[in-house]
């Protein structure tokens, strides 16, 4: 059984949560944190990078690895998604 939310949302959320404690996250780390298959995680990280939402920076200690983080645009999009989600929950709760 995979994650309860979409792969790109899981990736954006993990990167957003990691921004406060900045621990460099590799592509493999993202697969482990999100519970998404490594190949699927890698595919989505490439797509999110092309969209300008995720930055990939070479690992200075290992040229074969990359660290990933949100770009300013990625942070903005993630915060908007969180805000929209909060509104849905509030609306749903008020409707009960």
PDB file of N, CA and C in Angstrom:
ATOM      1  N   UNK A   1       0.847  -1.180   0.000  1.00  0.00           N
ATOM      2  CA  UNK A   1       0.000   0.000   0.000  1.00  0.00           C
ATOM      3  C   UNK A   1       0.887   1.236   0.000  1.00  0.00           C
ATOM      4  N   UNK A   2       0.603   2.169  -0.872  1.00  0.00           N
ATOM      5  CA  UNK A   2       1.406   3.378  -0.990  1.00  0.00           C
ATOM      6  C   UNK A   2       0.938   4.468  -0.050  1.00  0.00           C
ATOM      7  N   UNK A   3       1.486   5.655  -0.247  1.00  0.00           N
ATOM      8  CA  UNK A   3       1.106   6.777   0.604  1.00  0.00           C
ATOM      9  C   UNK A   3      -0.356   7.164   0.376  1.00  0.00           C
ATOM     10  N   UNK A   4      -1.008   7.775   1.384  1.00  0.00           N
ATOM     11  CA  UNK A   4      -2.429   8.110   1.265  1.00  0.00           C
ATOM     12  C   UNK A   4      -2.702   9.329   0.383  1.00  0.00           C
ATOM     13  N   UNK A   5      -1.667  10.026  -0.039  1.00  0.00           N
ATOM     14  CA  UNK A   5      -1.837  11.196  -0.897  1.00  0.00           C
ATOM     15  C   UNK A   5      -0.962  11.027  -2.128  1.00  0.00           C
ATOM     16  N   UNK A   6      -1.105  11.935  -3.080  1.00  0.00           N
ATOM     17  CA  UNK A   6      -0.373  11.819  -4.330  1.00  0.00           C
ATOM     18  C   UNK A   6       1.134  11.952  -4.124  1.00  0.00           C
ATOM     19  N   UNK A   7       1.886  11.356  -5.040  1.00  0.00           N
ATOM     20  CA  UNK A   7       3.349  11.400  -4.965  1.00  0.00           C
ATOM     21  C   UNK A   7       3.889  12.829  -4.963  1.00  0.00           C
ATOM     22  N   UNK A   8       3.461  13.694  -5.888  1.00  0.00           N
ATOM     23  CA  UNK A   8       4.035  15.046  -5.863  1.00  0.00           C
ATOM     24  C   UNK A   8       3.698  15.803  -4.582  1.00  0.00           C
ATOM     25  N   UNK A   9       2.489  15.625  -4.065  1.00  0.00           N
ATOM     26  CA  UNK A   9       2.115  16.305  -2.824  1.00  0.00           C
ATOM     27  C   UNK A   9       2.964  15.786  -1.673  1.00  0.00           C
ATOM     28  N   UNK A  10       3.189  14.484  -1.598  1.00  0.00           N
ATOM     29  CA  UNK A  10       4.034  13.914  -0.542  1.00  0.00           C
ATOM     30  C   UNK A  10       5.444  14.486  -0.598  1.00  0.00           C
ATOM     31  N   UNK A  11       5.982  14.606  -1.794  1.00  0.00           N
ATOM     32  CA  UNK A  11       7.339  15.136  -1.965  1.00  0.00           C
ATOM     33  C   UNK A  11       7.394  16.598  -1.546  1.00  0.00           C
ATOM     34  N   UNK A  12       6.461  17.401  -2.036  1.00  0.00           N
ATOM     35  CA  UNK A  12       6.449  18.822  -1.677  1.00  0.00           C
ATOM     36  C   UNK A  12       6.303  19.004  -0.171  1.00  0.00           C
ATOM     37  N   UNK A  13       5.426  18.230   0.442  1.00  0.00           N
ATOM     38  CA  UNK A  13       5.197  18.356   1.878  1.00  0.00           C
ATOM     39  C   UNK A  13       6.442  17.967   2.676  1.00  0.00           C
ATOM     40  N   UNK A  14       7.107  16.882   2.319  1.00  0.00           N
ATOM     41  CA  UNK A  14       8.333  16.483   3.025  1.00  0.00           C
ATOM     42  C   UNK A  14       9.414  17.551   2.890  1.00  0.00           C
ATOM     43  N   UNK A  15       9.567  18.100   1.696  1.00  0.00           N
ATOM     44  CA  UNK A  15      10.581  19.143   1.499  1.00  0.00           C
ATOM     45  C   UNK A  15      10.218  20.403   2.279  1.00  0.00           C
ATOM     46  N   UNK A  16       8.935  20.721   2.329  1.00  0.00           N
ATOM     47  CA  UNK A  16       8.481  21.895   3.084  1.00  0.00           C
ATOM     48  C   UNK A  16       8.771  21.714   4.570  1.00  0.00           C
ATOM     49  N   UNK A  17       8.438  20.551   5.098  1.00  0.00           N
ATOM     50  CA  UNK A  17       8.683  20.278   6.516  1.00  0.00           C
ATOM     51  C   UNK A  17      10.173  20.255   6.834  1.00  0.00           C
ATOM     52  N   UNK A  18      10.979  19.819   5.888  1.00  0.00           N
ATOM     53  CA  UNK A  18      12.422  19.738   6.100  1.00  0.00           C
ATOM     54  C   UNK A  18      13.093  21.107   6.052  1.00  0.00           C
ATOM     55  N   UNK A  19      12.479  22.077   5.422  1.00  0.00           N
ATOM     56  CA  UNK A  19      13.112  23.389   5.245  1.00  0.00           C
ATOM     57  C   UNK A  19      13.472  24.038   6.575  1.00  0.00           C
ATOM     58  N   UNK A  20      12.664  23.830   7.601  1.00  0.00           N
ATOM     59  CA  UNK A  20      12.923  24.439   8.913  1.00  0.00           C
ATOM     60  C   UNK A  20      14.148  23.854   9.606  1.00  0.00           C
ATOM     61  N   UNK A  21      14.396  22.575   9.399  1.00  0.00           N
ATOM     62  CA  UNK A  21      15.507  21.924  10.097  1.00  0.00           C
ATOM     63  C   UNK A  21      16.686  21.667   9.176  1.00  0.00           C
ATOM     64  N   UNK A  22      16.659  22.168   8.018  1.00  0.00           N
ATOM     65  CA  UNK A  22      17.526  21.870   6.893  1.00  0.00           C
ATOM     66  C   UNK A  22      18.564  20.774   7.139  1.00  0.00           C
ATOM     67  N   UNK A  23      18.139  19.598   6.827  1.00  0.00           N
ATOM     68  CA  UNK A  23      19.011  18.438   6.750  1.00  0.00           C
ATOM     69  C   UNK A  23      19.048  18.102   5.264  1.00  0.00           C
ATOM     70  N   UNK A  24      20.227  18.093   4.652  1.00  0.00           N
ATOM     71  CA  UNK A  24      20.266  17.791   3.215  1.00  0.00           C
ATOM     72  C   UNK A  24      19.581  16.455   2.914  1.00  0.00           C
ATOM     73  N   UNK A  25      18.655  16.481   1.984  1.00  0.00           N
ATOM     74  CA  UNK A  25      17.926  15.278   1.590  1.00  0.00           C
ATOM     75  C   UNK A  25      18.344  14.859   0.192  1.00  0.00           C
ATOM     76  N   UNK A  26      18.689  13.601   0.053  1.00  0.00           N
ATOM     77  CA  UNK A  26      19.040  13.071  -1.259  1.00  0.00           C
ATOM     78  C   UNK A  26      17.778  12.571  -1.957  1.00  0.00           C
ATOM     79  N   UNK A  27      17.939  12.216  -3.223  1.00  0.00           N
ATOM     80  CA  UNK A  27      16.815  11.646  -3.959  1.00  0.00           C
ATOM     81  C   UNK A  27      16.344  10.358  -3.277  1.00  0.00           C
ATOM     82  N   UNK A  28      17.290   9.549  -2.813  1.00  0.00           N
ATOM     83  CA  UNK A  28      16.941   8.312  -2.108  1.00  0.00           C
ATOM     84  C   UNK A  28      16.238   8.577  -0.790  1.00  0.00           C
ATOM     85  N   UNK A  29      16.690   9.615  -0.075  1.00  0.00           N
ATOM     86  CA  UNK A  29      16.029   9.985   1.184  1.00  0.00           C
ATOM     87  C   UNK A  29      14.556  10.289   0.945  1.00  0.00           C
ATOM     88  N   UNK A  30      14.270  10.970  -0.153  1.00  0.00           N
ATOM     89  CA  UNK A  30      12.882  11.337  -0.443  1.00  0.00           C
ATOM     90  C   UNK A  30      12.018  10.100  -0.653  1.00  0.00           C
ATOM     91  N   UNK A  31      12.569   9.088  -1.306  1.00  0.00           N
ATOM     92  CA  UNK A  31      11.811   7.852  -1.505  1.00  0.00           C
ATOM     93  C   UNK A  31      11.499   7.209  -0.156  1.00  0.00           C
ATOM     94  N   UNK A  32      12.476   7.188   0.738  1.00  0.00           N
ATOM     95  CA  UNK A  32      12.264   6.590   2.061  1.00  0.00           C
ATOM     96  C   UNK A  32      11.262   7.389   2.890  1.00  0.00           C
ATOM     97  N   UNK A  33      11.389   8.707   2.897  1.00  0.00           N
ATOM     98  CA  UNK A  33      10.510   9.549   3.710  1.00  0.00           C
ATOM     99  C   UNK A  33       9.060   9.524   3.242  1.00  0.00           C
ATOM    100  N   UNK A  34       8.870   9.455   1.943  1.00  0.00           N
ATOM    101  CA  UNK A  34       7.516   9.530   1.401  1.00  0.00           C
ATOM    102  C   UNK A  34       6.855   8.169   1.243  1.00  0.00           C
ATOM    103  N   UNK A  35       7.643   7.103   1.264  1.00  0.00           N
ATOM    104  CA  UNK A  35       7.085   5.774   1.031  1.00  0.00           C
ATOM    105  C   UNK A  35       6.761   5.521  -0.425  1.00  0.00           C
ATOM    106  N   UNK A  36       7.307   6.348  -1.292  1.00  0.00           N
ATOM    107  CA  UNK A  36       7.077   6.219  -2.731  1.00  0.00           C
ATOM    108  C   UNK A  36       8.228   5.397  -3.310  1.00  0.00           C
ATOM    109  N   UNK A  37       7.937   4.522  -4.242  1.00  0.00           N
ATOM    110  CA  UNK A  37       8.976   3.716  -4.887  1.00  0.00           C
ATOM    111  C   UNK A  37      10.076   4.636  -5.418  1.00  0.00           C
ATOM    112  N   UNK A  38      11.341   4.227  -5.279  1.00  0.00           N
ATOM    113  CA  UNK A  38      12.447   5.092  -5.709  1.00  0.00           C
ATOM    114  C   UNK A  38      12.333   5.594  -7.145  1.00  0.00           C
ATOM    115  N   UNK A  39      11.937   4.735  -8.082  1.00  0.00           N
ATOM    116  CA  UNK A  39      11.844   5.199  -9.469  1.00  0.00           C
ATOM    117  C   UNK A  39      10.728   6.222  -9.642  1.00  0.00           C
ATOM    118  N   UNK A  40       9.606   6.011  -8.961  1.00  0.00           N
ATOM    119  CA  UNK A  40       8.498   6.972  -9.024  1.00  0.00           C
ATOM    120  C   UNK A  40       8.905   8.284  -8.375  1.00  0.00           C
ATOM    121  N   UNK A  41       9.578   8.194  -7.240  1.00  0.00           N
ATOM    122  CA  UNK A  41      10.057   9.389  -6.543  1.00  0.00           C
ATOM    123  C   UNK A  41      11.011  10.175  -7.433  1.00  0.00           C
ATOM    124  N   UNK A  42      11.939   9.477  -8.059  1.00  0.00           N
ATOM    125  CA  UNK A  42      12.908  10.125  -8.946  1.00  0.00           C
ATOM    126  C   UNK A  42      12.205  10.795 -10.121  1.00  0.00           C
ATOM    127  N   UNK A  43      11.257  10.095 -10.733  1.00  0.00           N
ATOM    128  CA  UNK A  43      10.500  10.680 -11.854  1.00  0.00           C
ATOM    129  C   UNK A  43       9.800  11.962 -11.427  1.00  0.00           C
ATOM    130  N   UNK A  44       9.140  11.938 -10.257  1.00  0.00           N
ATOM    131  CA  UNK A  44       8.421  13.121  -9.796  1.00  0.00           C
ATOM    132  C   UNK A  44       9.367  14.248  -9.415  1.00  0.00           C
ATOM    133  N   UNK A  45      10.504  13.915  -8.821  1.00  0.00           N
ATOM    134  CA  UNK A  45      11.474  14.967  -8.484  1.00  0.00           C
ATOM    135  C   UNK A  45      11.975  15.657  -9.746  1.00  0.00           C
ATOM    136  N   UNK A  46      12.197  14.891 -10.815  1.00  0.00           N
ATOM    137  CA  UNK A  46      12.607  15.503 -12.087  1.00  0.00           C
ATOM    138  C   UNK A  46      11.496  16.402 -12.639  1.00  0.00           C
ATOM    139  N   UNK A  47      10.252  15.932 -12.584  1.00  0.00           N
ATOM    140  CA  UNK A  47       9.123  16.736 -13.073  1.00  0.00           C
ATOM    141  C   UNK A  47       8.967  18.014 -12.254  1.00  0.00           C
ATOM    142  N   UNK A  48       9.030  17.888 -10.932  1.00  0.00           N
ATOM    143  CA  UNK A  48       8.890  19.066 -10.064  1.00  0.00           C
ATOM    144  C   UNK A  48      10.045  20.040 -10.267  1.00  0.00           C
ATOM    145  N   UNK A  49      11.221  19.510 -10.562  1.00  0.00           N
ATOM    146  CA  UNK A  49      12.374  20.366 -10.852  1.00  0.00           C
ATOM    147  C   UNK A  49      12.150  21.140 -12.154  1.00  0.00           C
ATOM    148  N   UNK A  50      11.662  20.452 -13.177  1.00  0.00           N
ATOM    149  CA  UNK A  50      11.389  21.131 -14.459  1.00  0.00           C
ATOM    150  C   UNK A  50      10.299  22.191 -14.316  1.00  0.00           C
ATOM    151  N   UNK A  51       9.389  21.987 -13.358  1.00  0.00           N
ATOM    152  CA  UNK A  51       8.320  22.961 -13.106  1.00  0.00           C
ATOM    153  C   UNK A  51       8.824  24.142 -12.280  1.00  0.00           C
ATOM    154  N   UNK A  52      10.063  24.052 -11.789  1.00  0.00           N
ATOM    155  CA  UNK A  52      10.631  25.133 -10.993  1.00  0.00           C
ATOM    156  C   UNK A  52      10.254  25.079  -9.523  1.00  0.00           C
ATOM    157  N   UNK A  53       9.724  23.940  -9.061  1.00  0.00           N
ATOM    158  CA  UNK A  53       9.277  23.827  -7.675  1.00  0.00           C
ATOM    159  C   UNK A  53      10.331  23.210  -6.756  1.00  0.00           C
ATOM    160  N   UNK A  54      11.237  22.443  -7.331  1.00  0.00           N
ATOM    161  CA  UNK A  54      12.269  21.739  -6.572  1.00  0.00           C
ATOM    162  C   UNK A  54      13.627  22.041  -7.185  1.00  0.00           C
ATOM    163  N   UNK A  55      14.617  22.266  -6.313  1.00  0.00           N
ATOM    164  CA  UNK A  55      15.998  22.480  -6.763  1.00  0.00           C
ATOM    165  C   UNK A  55      16.808  21.235  -6.450  1.00  0.00           C
ATOM    166  N   UNK A  56      17.647  20.840  -7.397  1.00  0.00           N
ATOM    167  CA  UNK A  56      18.569  19.725  -7.188  1.00  0.00           C
ATOM    168  C   UNK A  56      19.983  20.296  -7.201  1.00  0.00           C
ATOM    169  N   UNK A  57      20.724  20.055  -6.122  1.00  0.00           N
ATOM    170  CA  UNK A  57      22.081  20.586  -5.975  1.00  0.00           C
ATOM    171  C   UNK A  57      23.027  19.411  -5.776  1.00  0.00           C
ATOM    172  N   UNK A  58      24.143  19.371  -6.523  1.00  0.00           N
ATOM    173  CA  UNK A  58      25.092  18.270  -6.335  1.00  0.00           C
ATOM    174  C   UNK A  58      25.595  18.202  -4.892  1.00  0.00           C
ATOM    175  N   UNK A  59      25.717  16.990  -4.371  1.00  0.00           N
ATOM    176  CA  UNK A  59      26.258  16.753  -3.033  1.00  0.00           C
ATOM    177  C   UNK A  59      27.762  17.009  -3.092  1.00  0.00           C
ATOM    178  N   UNK A  60      28.266  17.983  -2.323  1.00  0.00           N
ATOM    179  CA  UNK A  60      29.698  18.291  -2.385  1.00  0.00           C
ATOM    180  C   UNK A  60      30.576  17.125  -1.926  1.00  0.00           C
ATOM    181  N   UNK A  61      30.037  16.229  -1.117  1.00  0.00           N
ATOM    182  CA  UNK A  61      30.817  15.099  -0.629  1.00  0.00           C
ATOM    183  C   UNK A  61      30.758  13.871  -1.518  1.00  0.00           C
ATOM    184  N   UNK A  62      29.816  13.848  -2.459  1.00  0.00           N
ATOM    185  CA  UNK A  62      29.637  12.681  -3.323  1.00  0.00           C
ATOM    186  C   UNK A  62      29.024  13.155  -4.630  1.00  0.00           C
ATOM    187  N   UNK A  63      29.841  13.280  -5.650  1.00  0.00           N
ATOM    188  CA  UNK A  63      29.406  13.811  -6.937  1.00  0.00           C
ATOM    189  C   UNK A  63      28.316  13.007  -7.622  1.00  0.00           C
ATOM    190  N   UNK A  64      28.047  11.804  -7.136  1.00  0.00           N
ATOM    191  CA  UNK A  64      26.995  10.986  -7.748  1.00  0.00           C
ATOM    192  C   UNK A  64      25.625  11.299  -7.173  1.00  0.00           C
ATOM    193  N   UNK A  65      25.589  11.995  -6.042  1.00  0.00           N
ATOM    194  CA  UNK A  65      24.328  12.279  -5.342  1.00  0.00           C
ATOM    195  C   UNK A  65      23.904  13.728  -5.521  1.00  0.00           C
ATOM    196  N   UNK A  66      22.617  13.952  -5.359  1.00  0.00           N
ATOM    197  CA  UNK A  66      22.054  15.298  -5.370  1.00  0.00           C
ATOM    198  C   UNK A  66      21.264  15.506  -4.092  1.00  0.00           C
ATOM    199  N   UNK A  67      21.265  16.736  -3.615  1.00  0.00           N
ATOM    200  CA  UNK A  67      20.371  17.135  -2.530  1.00  0.00           C
ATOM    201  C   UNK A  67      19.208  17.868  -3.168  1.00  0.00           C
ATOM    202  N   UNK A  68      18.033  17.711  -2.593  1.00  0.00           N
ATOM    203  CA  UNK A  68      16.844  18.366  -3.137  1.00  0.00           C
ATOM    204  C   UNK A  68      16.215  19.258  -2.076  1.00  0.00           C
ATOM    205  N   UNK A  69      15.641  20.355  -2.532  1.00  0.00           N
ATOM    206  CA  UNK A  69      14.949  21.290  -1.644  1.00  0.00           C
ATOM    207  C   UNK A  69      13.913  22.042  -2.467  1.00  0.00           C
ATOM    208  N   UNK A  70      13.012  22.707  -1.768  1.00  0.00           N
ATOM    209  CA  UNK A  70      12.021  23.535  -2.457  1.00  0.00           C
ATOM    210  C   UNK A  70      12.662  24.826  -2.935  1.00  0.00           C
ATOM    211  N   UNK A  71      12.227  25.285  -4.078  1.00  0.00           N
ATOM    212  CA  UNK A  71      12.584  26.619  -4.545  1.00  0.00           C
ATOM    213  C   UNK A  71      11.617  27.597  -3.864  1.00  0.00           C
ATOM    214  N   UNK A  72      11.869  28.897  -3.965  1.00  0.00           N
ATOM    215  CA  UNK A  72      10.881  29.847  -3.433  1.00  0.00           C
ATOM    216  C   UNK A  72       9.488  29.622  -4.037  1.00  0.00           C
ATOM    217  N   UNK A  73       9.437  29.323  -5.333  1.00  0.00           N
ATOM    218  CA  UNK A  73       8.143  29.047  -5.974  1.00  0.00           C
ATOM    219  C   UNK A  73       7.530  27.769  -5.400  1.00  0.00           C
ATOM    220  N   UNK A  74       8.348  26.755  -5.148  1.00  0.00           N
ATOM    221  CA  UNK A  74       7.858  25.514  -4.553  1.00  0.00           C
ATOM    222  C   UNK A  74       7.291  25.742  -3.163  1.00  0.00           C
ATOM    223  N   UNK A  75       7.956  26.601  -2.395  1.00  0.00           N
ATOM    224  CA  UNK A  75       7.466  26.943  -1.059  1.00  0.00           C
ATOM    225  C   UNK A  75       6.121  27.648  -1.160  1.00  0.00           C
ATOM    226  N   UNK A  76       6.017  28.585  -2.090  1.00  0.00           N
ATOM    227  CA  UNK A  76       4.764  29.333  -2.272  1.00  0.00           C
ATOM    228  C   UNK A  76       3.617  28.404  -2.666  1.00  0.00           C
ATOM    229  N   UNK A  77       3.872  27.505  -3.606  1.00  0.00           N
ATOM    230  CA  UNK A  77       2.838  26.567  -4.055  1.00  0.00           C
ATOM    231  C   UNK A  77       2.412  25.652  -2.907  1.00  0.00           C
ATOM    232  N   UNK A  78       3.379  25.151  -2.146  1.00  0.00           N
ATOM    233  CA  UNK A  78       3.065  24.256  -1.031  1.00  0.00           C
ATOM    234  C   UNK A  78       2.256  24.979   0.038  1.00  0.00           C
ATOM    235  N   UNK A  79       2.635  26.211   0.348  1.00  0.00           N
ATOM    236  CA  UNK A  79       1.877  26.984   1.342  1.00  0.00           C
ATOM    237  C   UNK A  79       0.456  27.256   0.858  1.00  0.00           C
ATOM    238  N   UNK A  80       0.295  27.499  -0.431  1.00  0.00           N
ATOM    239  CA  UNK A  80      -1.051  27.719  -0.976  1.00  0.00           C
ATOM    240  C   UNK A  80      -1.882  26.441  -0.877  1.00  0.00           C
ATOM    241  N   UNK A  81      -1.267  25.301  -1.192  1.00  0.00           N
ATOM    242  CA  UNK A  81      -1.975  24.021  -1.074  1.00  0.00           C
ATOM    243  C   UNK A  81      -2.386  23.752   0.372  1.00  0.00           C
ATOM    244  N   UNK A  82      -1.493  24.033   1.316  1.00  0.00           N
ATOM    245  CA  UNK A  82      -1.820  23.851   2.736  1.00  0.00           C
ATOM    246  C   UNK A  82      -2.962  24.771   3.164  1.00  0.00           C
ATOM    247  N   UNK A  83      -2.929  26.004   2.687  1.00  0.00           N
ATOM    248  CA  UNK A  83      -3.989  26.959   3.003  1.00  0.00           C
ATOM    249  C   UNK A  83      -5.329  26.490   2.433  1.00  0.00           C
ATOM    250  N   UNK A  84      -5.307  26.024   1.189  1.00  0.00           N
ATOM    251  CA  UNK A  84      -6.531  25.518   0.560  1.00  0.00           C
ATOM    252  C   UNK A  84      -7.068  24.307   1.316  1.00  0.00           C
ATOM    253  N   UNK A  85      -6.178  23.430   1.722  1.00  0.00           N
ATOM    254  CA  UNK A  85      -6.581  22.240   2.468  1.00  0.00           C
ATOM    255  C   UNK A  85      -7.200  22.618   3.812  1.00  0.00           C
ATOM    256  N   UNK A  86      -6.616  23.589   4.482  1.00  0.00           N
ATOM    257  CA  UNK A  86      -7.158  24.055   5.766  1.00  0.00           C
ATOM    258  C   UNK A  86      -8.568  24.614   5.580  1.00  0.00           C
ATOM    259  N   UNK A  87      -8.780  25.371   4.490  1.00  0.00           N
ATOM    260  CA  UNK A  87     -10.116  25.918   4.221  1.00  0.00           C
ATOM    261  C   UNK A  87     -11.134  24.803   3.998  1.00  0.00           C
ATOM    262  N   UNK A  88     -10.726  23.748   3.303  1.00  0.00           N
ATOM    263  CA  UNK A  88     -11.628  22.616   3.061  1.00  0.00           C
ATOM    264  C   UNK A  88     -12.013  21.965   4.384  1.00  0.00           C
ATOM    265  N   UNK A  89     -11.034  21.764   5.264  1.00  0.00           N
ATOM    266  CA  UNK A  89     -11.330  21.156   6.562  1.00  0.00           C
ATOM    267  C   UNK A  89     -12.254  22.039   7.395  1.00  0.00           C
ATOM    268  N   UNK A  90     -11.999  23.328   7.407  1.00  0.00           N
ATOM    269  CA  UNK A  90     -12.845  24.245   8.179  1.00  0.00           C
ATOM    270  C   UNK A  90     -14.264  24.229   7.618  1.00  0.00           C
ATOM    271  N   UNK A  91     -14.382  24.300   6.296  1.00  0.00           N
ATOM    272  CA  UNK A  91     -15.702  24.281   5.661  1.00  0.00           C
ATOM    273  C   UNK A  91     -16.421  22.972   5.976  1.00  0.00           C
ATOM    274  N   UNK A  92     -15.712  21.868   5.882  1.00  0.00           N
ATOM    275  CA  UNK A  92     -16.294  20.554   6.157  1.00  0.00           C
ATOM    276  C   UNK A  92     -16.754  20.452   7.611  1.00  0.00           C
ATOM    277  N   UNK A  93     -15.938  20.957   8.499  1.00  0.00           N
ATOM    278  CA  UNK A  93     -16.284  20.896   9.927  1.00  0.00           C
ATOM    279  C   UNK A  93     -17.487  21.790  10.236  1.00  0.00           C
ATOM    280  N   UNK A  94     -17.537  22.970   9.628  1.00  0.00           N
ATOM    281  CA  UNK A  94     -18.656  23.889   9.857  1.00  0.00           C
ATOM    282  C   UNK A  94     -19.956  23.367   9.256  1.00  0.00           C
ATOM    283  N   UNK A  95     -19.853  22.524   8.233  1.00  0.00           N
ATOM    284  CA  UNK A  95     -21.046  21.988   7.576  1.00  0.00           C
ATOM    285  C   UNK A  95     -21.688  20.869   8.388  1.00  0.00           C
ATOM    286  N   UNK A  96     -20.989  20.342   9.361  1.00  0.00           N
ATOM    287  CA  UNK A  96     -21.525  19.216  10.153  1.00  0.00           C
ATOM    288  C   UNK A  96     -22.506  19.669  11.184  1.00  0.00           C
TER     289      UNK A  96
END
